[in-house]
Amino acid sequence: MKRIIIVIAAVVVVCGVGLGAFNRKDTLFTSDFNSSEAFARDWQFDKEVPGSVEYLAEGGFDNSGCVKISCTEKTAQAVKHKLTGLDRNRLYRFSARMKREGVEDGRGAVLYLEPRDGLGQPWNASEFAYGTEAWSDVYVDFVPDAAGEAVI
């Protein structure tokens, strides 16, 4: 059986939320994928990992720009952005809109925090998403590493 995995993400926002004040939100980083130049500057991906990553000027939420990740086999393909200068004593939320088509088996499509500080696995991730679904909001809460950095 040929499996097709398509994950499209649009409108990525990272907000800082004080650990004791969940009503305070400061936007620290926003990427709406409406510029191929901004995508190339802000996001990286591993060309050696199975699957393809492509920037689409249209096709995102409300025909905005988006990033399409697709593969016909199990993969760990991802687009990544490194955040620096974060307060290591603060809770952050990374949110995005994601659309999926034919995501099967394995761990599914997910937003995650890349392992840092010697941890062998991502310590925090959004809910794993499967199947086919129109645009939906997903998020993951995280605390940066001791250097005030995080790779989302």
N, C-alpha and C. Protein backbone atom coordinates (compact mmCIF):
# COMPACT_ATOMS: atom_id res chain seq x y z
N MET A 1 0.85 -1.18 0.00
CA MET A 1 0.00 0.00 0.00
C MET A 1 0.89 1.23 0.00
N LYS A 2 0.62 2.14 -0.89
CA LYS A 2 1.37 3.38 -0.97
C LYS A 2 0.78 4.38 0.02
N ARG A 3 1.60 4.88 0.89
CA ARG A 3 1.16 5.84 1.89
C ARG A 3 1.66 7.22 1.49
N ILE A 4 0.80 8.20 1.56
CA ILE A 4 1.18 9.57 1.26
C ILE A 4 0.98 10.40 2.51
N ILE A 5 2.02 11.10 2.90
CA ILE A 5 1.94 11.96 4.07
C ILE A 5 2.13 13.39 3.61
N ILE A 6 1.17 14.22 3.92
CA ILE A 6 1.28 15.63 3.57
C ILE A 6 0.96 16.44 4.81
N VAL A 7 1.87 17.29 5.19
CA VAL A 7 1.65 18.17 6.33
C VAL A 7 1.93 19.58 5.85
N ILE A 8 1.00 20.47 6.07
CA ILE A 8 1.18 21.85 5.66
C ILE A 8 1.00 22.72 6.89
N ALA A 9 1.95 23.58 7.17
CA ALA A 9 1.86 24.46 8.34
C ALA A 9 1.84 25.90 7.89
N ALA A 10 1.05 26.71 8.55
CA ALA A 10 0.99 28.14 8.24
C ALA A 10 0.73 28.93 9.51
N VAL A 11 1.16 30.13 9.53
CA VAL A 11 1.01 31.07 10.63
C VAL A 11 1.58 30.49 11.93
N VAL A 12 2.87 30.60 12.06
CA VAL A 12 3.56 30.12 13.25
C VAL A 12 3.79 31.30 14.17
N VAL A 13 3.44 31.14 15.45
CA VAL A 13 3.61 32.20 16.43
C VAL A 13 4.20 31.61 17.69
N VAL A 14 5.21 32.28 18.25
CA VAL A 14 5.74 31.89 19.54
C VAL A 14 5.46 33.02 20.50
N CYS A 15 4.74 32.72 21.57
CA CYS A 15 4.40 33.72 22.58
C CYS A 15 5.03 33.31 23.90
N GLY A 16 5.50 34.30 24.64
CA GLY A 16 6.00 34.05 25.98
C GLY A 16 4.88 34.26 26.97
N VAL A 17 4.74 33.35 27.90
CA VAL A 17 3.71 33.44 28.92
C VAL A 17 4.41 33.32 30.26
N GLY A 18 4.27 34.32 31.12
CA GLY A 18 4.88 34.26 32.44
C GLY A 18 4.36 33.05 33.19
N LEU A 19 5.25 32.35 33.89
CA LEU A 19 4.84 31.13 34.59
C LEU A 19 3.71 31.38 35.57
N GLY A 20 3.67 32.55 36.18
CA GLY A 20 2.61 32.84 37.14
C GLY A 20 1.51 33.71 36.57
N ALA A 21 1.66 34.13 35.33
CA ALA A 21 0.68 35.06 34.75
C ALA A 21 0.29 34.59 33.36
N PHE A 22 -0.62 33.64 33.28
CA PHE A 22 -0.98 33.04 32.00
C PHE A 22 -1.77 33.97 31.10
N ASN A 23 -2.19 35.14 31.59
CA ASN A 23 -2.93 36.06 30.74
C ASN A 23 -2.00 37.03 30.02
N ARG A 24 -0.72 37.03 30.30
CA ARG A 24 0.23 37.93 29.65
C ARG A 24 0.89 37.22 28.48
N LYS A 25 0.70 37.74 27.29
CA LYS A 25 1.28 37.12 26.11
C LYS A 25 2.05 38.17 25.31
N ASP A 26 3.29 37.88 25.04
CA ASP A 26 4.14 38.73 24.22
C ASP A 26 4.56 37.91 23.01
N THR A 27 4.25 38.38 21.81
CA THR A 27 4.66 37.65 20.61
C THR A 27 6.14 37.88 20.40
N LEU A 28 6.89 36.81 20.30
CA LEU A 28 8.34 36.87 20.16
C LEU A 28 8.81 36.59 18.74
N PHE A 29 8.05 35.78 18.03
CA PHE A 29 8.43 35.39 16.68
C PHE A 29 7.17 35.02 15.92
N THR A 30 7.04 35.53 14.70
CA THR A 30 5.91 35.18 13.85
C THR A 30 6.44 34.88 12.45
N SER A 31 5.91 33.83 11.86
CA SER A 31 6.23 33.50 10.48
C SER A 31 4.94 33.09 9.80
N ASP A 32 4.51 33.86 8.80
CA ASP A 32 3.25 33.53 8.14
C ASP A 32 3.47 32.81 6.81
N PHE A 33 4.70 32.52 6.47
CA PHE A 33 5.05 31.80 5.25
C PHE A 33 4.53 32.50 3.99
N ASN A 34 4.39 33.80 4.03
CA ASN A 34 3.96 34.54 2.85
C ASN A 34 5.13 35.10 2.05
N SER A 35 6.33 34.73 2.40
CA SER A 35 7.52 35.19 1.68
C SER A 35 8.50 34.04 1.56
N SER A 36 8.86 33.71 0.33
CA SER A 36 9.83 32.63 0.14
C SER A 36 11.19 33.03 0.71
N GLU A 37 11.53 34.32 0.66
CA GLU A 37 12.79 34.80 1.21
C GLU A 37 12.83 34.62 2.73
N ALA A 38 11.72 34.97 3.40
CA ALA A 38 11.64 34.81 4.86
C ALA A 38 11.71 33.34 5.23
N PHE A 39 11.05 32.48 4.46
CA PHE A 39 11.10 31.05 4.74
C PHE A 39 12.54 30.55 4.63
N ALA A 40 13.23 30.91 3.57
CA ALA A 40 14.61 30.47 3.36
C ALA A 40 15.52 31.00 4.47
N ARG A 41 15.26 32.19 4.97
CA ARG A 41 16.08 32.80 6.01
C ARG A 41 15.80 32.19 7.39
N ASP A 42 14.52 31.97 7.72
CA ASP A 42 14.12 31.62 9.08
C ASP A 42 14.01 30.13 9.36
N TRP A 43 13.87 29.30 8.33
CA TRP A 43 13.58 27.88 8.54
C TRP A 43 14.61 27.01 7.83
N GLN A 44 14.99 25.91 8.46
CA GLN A 44 15.93 24.96 7.89
C GLN A 44 15.29 23.58 7.87
N PHE A 45 15.80 22.72 6.99
CA PHE A 45 15.37 21.33 6.98
C PHE A 45 16.52 20.48 6.46
N ASP A 46 16.49 19.20 6.79
CA ASP A 46 17.55 18.27 6.44
C ASP A 46 17.25 17.64 5.09
N LYS A 47 18.06 17.95 4.10
CA LYS A 47 17.84 17.43 2.75
C LYS A 47 18.19 15.95 2.63
N GLU A 48 18.84 15.37 3.65
CA GLU A 48 19.20 13.96 3.63
C GLU A 48 18.10 13.07 4.19
N VAL A 49 17.11 13.65 4.87
CA VAL A 49 16.01 12.89 5.45
C VAL A 49 14.98 12.60 4.37
N PRO A 50 14.41 11.39 4.32
CA PRO A 50 13.39 11.09 3.30
C PRO A 50 12.22 12.07 3.35
N GLY A 51 11.69 12.35 2.19
CA GLY A 51 10.56 13.27 2.09
C GLY A 51 10.98 14.56 1.43
N SER A 52 9.98 15.37 1.11
CA SER A 52 10.27 16.65 0.47
C SER A 52 9.67 17.78 1.28
N VAL A 53 10.33 18.91 1.22
CA VAL A 53 9.85 20.14 1.84
C VAL A 53 9.81 21.17 0.73
N GLU A 54 8.65 21.80 0.57
CA GLU A 54 8.57 22.83 -0.46
C GLU A 54 7.75 24.01 0.05
N TYR A 55 8.18 25.18 -0.37
CA TYR A 55 7.46 26.41 -0.06
C TYR A 55 6.42 26.62 -1.16
N LEU A 56 5.17 26.91 -0.78
CA LEU A 56 4.11 27.20 -1.73
C LEU A 56 3.59 28.61 -1.48
N ALA A 57 3.60 29.45 -2.48
CA ALA A 57 3.13 30.83 -2.33
C ALA A 57 1.64 30.88 -2.03
N GLU A 58 0.90 29.89 -2.50
CA GLU A 58 -0.53 29.78 -2.23
C GLU A 58 -0.80 28.37 -1.75
N GLY A 59 -1.95 28.14 -1.19
CA GLY A 59 -2.29 26.82 -0.70
C GLY A 59 -2.42 26.76 0.80
N GLY A 60 -2.00 27.82 1.47
CA GLY A 60 -2.13 27.88 2.92
C GLY A 60 -3.52 28.31 3.32
N PHE A 61 -3.71 28.54 4.58
CA PHE A 61 -4.97 29.01 5.13
C PHE A 61 -5.36 30.30 4.41
N ASP A 62 -6.57 30.39 3.89
CA ASP A 62 -7.04 31.56 3.12
C ASP A 62 -6.12 31.90 1.95
N ASN A 63 -5.58 30.88 1.30
CA ASN A 63 -4.68 31.01 0.15
C ASN A 63 -3.42 31.81 0.44
N SER A 64 -2.99 31.80 1.71
CA SER A 64 -1.72 32.42 2.07
C SER A 64 -0.61 31.43 1.71
N GLY A 65 0.63 31.82 1.99
CA GLY A 65 1.75 30.93 1.75
C GLY A 65 1.77 29.81 2.78
N CYS A 66 2.49 28.75 2.45
CA CYS A 66 2.59 27.62 3.38
C CYS A 66 3.83 26.81 3.05
N VAL A 67 4.09 25.84 3.91
CA VAL A 67 5.17 24.89 3.71
C VAL A 67 4.53 23.52 3.62
N LYS A 68 4.93 22.75 2.64
CA LYS A 68 4.37 21.42 2.43
C LYS A 68 5.48 20.39 2.66
N ILE A 69 5.21 19.46 3.56
CA ILE A 69 6.12 18.35 3.83
C ILE A 69 5.40 17.09 3.37
N SER A 70 6.02 16.31 2.50
CA SER A 70 5.37 15.10 2.01
C SER A 70 6.37 13.97 1.87
N CYS A 71 5.84 12.75 1.98
CA CYS A 71 6.68 11.58 1.87
C CYS A 71 5.80 10.36 1.65
N THR A 72 6.32 9.36 0.95
CA THR A 72 5.58 8.12 0.73
C THR A 72 6.06 7.01 1.66
N GLU A 73 6.94 7.33 2.61
CA GLU A 73 7.43 6.36 3.58
C GLU A 73 7.53 7.04 4.94
N LYS A 74 7.74 6.25 6.00
CA LYS A 74 7.90 6.83 7.33
C LYS A 74 9.14 7.72 7.32
N THR A 75 9.02 8.86 7.97
CA THR A 75 10.12 9.82 7.97
C THR A 75 10.06 10.69 9.22
N ALA A 76 11.11 11.41 9.46
CA ALA A 76 11.15 12.39 10.54
C ALA A 76 11.48 13.75 9.94
N GLN A 77 10.98 14.01 8.75
CA GLN A 77 11.25 15.28 8.07
C GLN A 77 10.58 16.41 8.83
N ALA A 78 11.24 17.54 8.90
CA ALA A 78 10.71 18.67 9.65
C ALA A 78 11.33 19.96 9.15
N VAL A 79 10.64 21.06 9.36
CA VAL A 79 11.23 22.38 9.20
C VAL A 79 11.49 22.90 10.61
N LYS A 80 12.65 23.54 10.79
CA LYS A 80 13.08 23.93 12.13
C LYS A 80 13.49 25.40 12.16
N HIS A 81 13.25 26.00 13.33
CA HIS A 81 13.67 27.38 13.56
C HIS A 81 14.27 27.46 14.96
N LYS A 82 15.45 28.08 15.08
CA LYS A 82 16.10 28.23 16.38
C LYS A 82 15.73 29.57 16.99
N LEU A 83 15.22 29.53 18.21
CA LEU A 83 14.90 30.73 18.97
C LEU A 83 16.01 30.97 19.98
N THR A 84 16.46 32.22 20.12
CA THR A 84 17.50 32.56 21.08
C THR A 84 17.03 33.73 21.93
N GLY A 85 17.74 33.97 23.01
CA GLY A 85 17.42 35.11 23.87
C GLY A 85 16.16 34.93 24.69
N LEU A 86 15.74 33.69 24.90
CA LEU A 86 14.53 33.42 25.69
C LEU A 86 14.87 33.41 27.18
N ASP A 87 13.89 33.69 28.00
CA ASP A 87 14.04 33.64 29.45
C ASP A 87 13.86 32.19 29.89
N ARG A 88 14.91 31.59 30.46
CA ARG A 88 14.83 30.17 30.82
C ARG A 88 13.88 29.89 31.97
N ASN A 89 13.37 30.93 32.60
CA ASN A 89 12.41 30.77 33.70
C ASN A 89 10.99 31.10 33.25
N ARG A 90 10.76 31.07 31.97
CA ARG A 90 9.46 31.45 31.43
C ARG A 90 8.88 30.32 30.58
N LEU A 91 7.59 30.20 30.59
CA LEU A 91 6.87 29.22 29.77
C LEU A 91 6.51 29.88 28.45
N TYR A 92 6.71 29.17 27.34
CA TYR A 92 6.41 29.68 26.00
C TYR A 92 5.42 28.77 25.31
N ARG A 93 4.67 29.32 24.37
CA ARG A 93 3.75 28.54 23.56
C ARG A 93 4.07 28.78 22.09
N PHE A 94 4.27 27.68 21.39
CA PHE A 94 4.50 27.67 19.94
C PHE A 94 3.20 27.17 19.33
N SER A 95 2.58 27.98 18.47
CA SER A 95 1.32 27.58 17.85
C SER A 95 1.41 27.73 16.33
N ALA A 96 0.61 26.95 15.65
CA ALA A 96 0.60 26.97 14.18
C ALA A 96 -0.74 26.43 13.70
N ARG A 97 -1.02 26.66 12.43
CA ARG A 97 -2.15 26.01 11.77
C ARG A 97 -1.56 24.90 10.91
N MET A 98 -2.22 23.74 10.95
CA MET A 98 -1.71 22.59 10.24
C MET A 98 -2.85 21.89 9.51
N LYS A 99 -2.56 21.43 8.32
CA LYS A 99 -3.51 20.66 7.51
C LYS A 99 -2.82 19.34 7.18
N ARG A 100 -3.58 18.24 7.20
CA ARG A 100 -2.98 16.95 6.91
C ARG A 100 -3.81 16.16 5.92
N GLU A 101 -3.11 15.32 5.19
CA GLU A 101 -3.78 14.44 4.25
C GLU A 101 -3.07 13.09 4.25
N GLY A 102 -3.80 12.05 4.63
CA GLY A 102 -3.27 10.70 4.56
C GLY A 102 -2.15 10.39 5.53
N VAL A 103 -2.10 11.03 6.70
CA VAL A 103 -1.06 10.73 7.68
C VAL A 103 -1.45 9.43 8.38
N GLU A 104 -0.59 8.41 8.24
CA GLU A 104 -0.88 7.08 8.79
C GLU A 104 0.31 6.56 9.57
N ASP A 105 0.04 5.59 10.44
CA ASP A 105 1.08 4.86 11.15
C ASP A 105 2.04 5.80 11.91
N GLY A 106 3.04 5.22 12.51
CA GLY A 106 4.07 5.99 13.17
C GLY A 106 3.54 6.96 14.22
N ARG A 107 4.28 8.02 14.45
CA ARG A 107 3.94 9.00 15.46
C ARG A 107 2.98 10.06 14.95
N GLY A 108 2.80 10.19 13.65
CA GLY A 108 1.89 11.19 13.10
C GLY A 108 2.56 12.54 12.94
N ALA A 109 1.79 13.51 12.49
CA ALA A 109 2.28 14.88 12.32
C ALA A 109 2.25 15.57 13.68
N VAL A 110 3.26 16.38 13.96
CA VAL A 110 3.37 16.96 15.31
C VAL A 110 4.23 18.22 15.29
N LEU A 111 3.95 19.15 16.19
CA LEU A 111 4.86 20.24 16.51
C LEU A 111 5.69 19.77 17.69
N TYR A 112 6.98 20.02 17.67
CA TYR A 112 7.78 19.56 18.81
C TYR A 112 8.96 20.47 19.07
N LEU A 113 9.52 20.30 20.25
CA LEU A 113 10.73 21.00 20.66
C LEU A 113 11.88 20.02 20.50
N GLU A 114 12.89 20.40 19.72
CA GLU A 114 14.03 19.53 19.49
C GLU A 114 14.78 19.29 20.80
N PRO A 115 15.34 18.09 20.97
CA PRO A 115 16.07 17.79 22.21
C PRO A 115 17.20 18.78 22.46
N ARG A 116 17.33 19.22 23.69
CA ARG A 116 18.39 20.14 24.09
C ARG A 116 18.95 19.66 25.43
N ASP A 117 20.04 20.22 25.86
CA ASP A 117 20.66 19.91 27.15
C ASP A 117 20.92 18.42 27.33
N GLY A 118 21.26 17.72 26.23
CA GLY A 118 21.62 16.31 26.34
C GLY A 118 20.46 15.35 26.45
N LEU A 119 19.24 15.82 26.34
CA LEU A 119 18.10 14.90 26.40
C LEU A 119 18.06 14.09 25.12
N GLY A 120 17.69 12.84 25.23
CA GLY A 120 17.70 11.96 24.07
C GLY A 120 16.43 11.98 23.25
N GLN A 121 15.42 12.71 23.68
CA GLN A 121 14.16 12.77 22.94
C GLN A 121 13.51 14.12 23.18
N PRO A 122 12.62 14.53 22.27
CA PRO A 122 11.91 15.78 22.50
C PRO A 122 11.11 15.67 23.81
N TRP A 123 11.24 16.64 24.66
CA TRP A 123 10.55 16.55 25.95
C TRP A 123 9.15 17.08 25.89
N ASN A 124 8.80 17.75 24.82
CA ASN A 124 7.47 18.32 24.75
C ASN A 124 7.02 18.36 23.30
N ALA A 125 5.77 17.97 23.07
CA ALA A 125 5.23 17.96 21.72
C ALA A 125 3.74 18.19 21.78
N SER A 126 3.20 18.65 20.67
CA SER A 126 1.74 18.80 20.57
C SER A 126 1.13 17.40 20.44
N GLU A 127 -0.16 17.36 20.39
CA GLU A 127 -0.85 16.10 20.16
C GLU A 127 -0.49 15.57 18.77
N PHE A 128 -0.26 14.27 18.67
CA PHE A 128 0.06 13.67 17.38
C PHE A 128 -1.19 13.63 16.53
N ALA A 129 -1.08 14.05 15.28
CA ALA A 129 -2.23 14.17 14.40
C ALA A 129 -2.14 13.14 13.28
N TYR A 130 -3.27 12.53 12.98
CA TYR A 130 -3.35 11.49 11.95
C TYR A 130 -4.47 11.79 10.98
N GLY A 131 -4.51 10.99 9.90
CA GLY A 131 -5.62 11.07 8.98
C GLY A 131 -5.58 12.28 8.07
N THR A 132 -6.77 12.72 7.71
CA THR A 132 -6.94 13.88 6.83
C THR A 132 -7.82 14.88 7.56
N GLU A 133 -7.37 16.10 7.66
CA GLU A 133 -8.13 17.14 8.35
C GLU A 133 -7.81 18.50 7.74
N ALA A 134 -8.85 19.33 7.64
CA ALA A 134 -8.67 20.71 7.16
C ALA A 134 -7.84 21.48 8.19
N TRP A 135 -7.61 22.73 7.93
CA TRP A 135 -6.78 23.56 8.80
C TRP A 135 -7.26 23.51 10.25
N SER A 136 -6.34 23.26 11.15
CA SER A 136 -6.65 23.25 12.58
C SER A 136 -5.49 23.91 13.33
N ASP A 137 -5.81 24.47 14.49
CA ASP A 137 -4.79 25.10 15.33
C ASP A 137 -4.15 24.04 16.21
N VAL A 138 -2.83 24.04 16.28
CA VAL A 138 -2.10 23.13 17.15
C VAL A 138 -1.08 23.97 17.92
N TYR A 139 -0.69 23.48 19.08
CA TYR A 139 0.30 24.21 19.87
C TYR A 139 1.08 23.26 20.77
N VAL A 140 2.21 23.76 21.24
CA VAL A 140 3.02 23.06 22.22
C VAL A 140 3.58 24.10 23.18
N ASP A 141 3.51 23.81 24.48
CA ASP A 141 4.09 24.67 25.50
C ASP A 141 5.48 24.13 25.83
N PHE A 142 6.43 25.04 26.12
CA PHE A 142 7.78 24.60 26.42
C PHE A 142 8.51 25.62 27.27
N VAL A 143 9.58 25.16 27.89
CA VAL A 143 10.53 26.01 28.62
C VAL A 143 11.84 25.87 27.87
N PRO A 144 12.53 26.97 27.57
CA PRO A 144 13.79 26.86 26.84
C PRO A 144 14.89 26.20 27.68
N ASP A 145 16.01 25.89 27.04
CA ASP A 145 17.11 25.28 27.75
C ASP A 145 17.82 26.32 28.63
N ALA A 146 18.86 25.89 29.33
CA ALA A 146 19.57 26.76 30.27
C ALA A 146 20.21 27.97 29.59
N ALA A 147 20.50 27.87 28.29
CA ALA A 147 21.09 28.99 27.55
C ALA A 147 20.02 29.93 27.00
N GLY A 148 18.74 29.65 27.25
CA GLY A 148 17.66 30.49 26.74
C GLY A 148 17.40 30.26 25.26
N GLU A 149 17.59 29.01 24.81
CA GLU A 149 17.39 28.68 23.40
C GLU A 149 16.42 27.52 23.26
N ALA A 150 15.81 27.43 22.10
CA ALA A 150 14.91 26.32 21.77
C ALA A 150 14.86 26.19 20.26
N VAL A 151 14.80 24.96 19.78
CA VAL A 151 14.63 24.70 18.35
C VAL A 151 13.23 24.12 18.20
N ILE A 152 12.38 24.87 17.49
CA ILE A 152 11.00 24.44 17.29
C ILE A 152 10.85 23.90 15.89
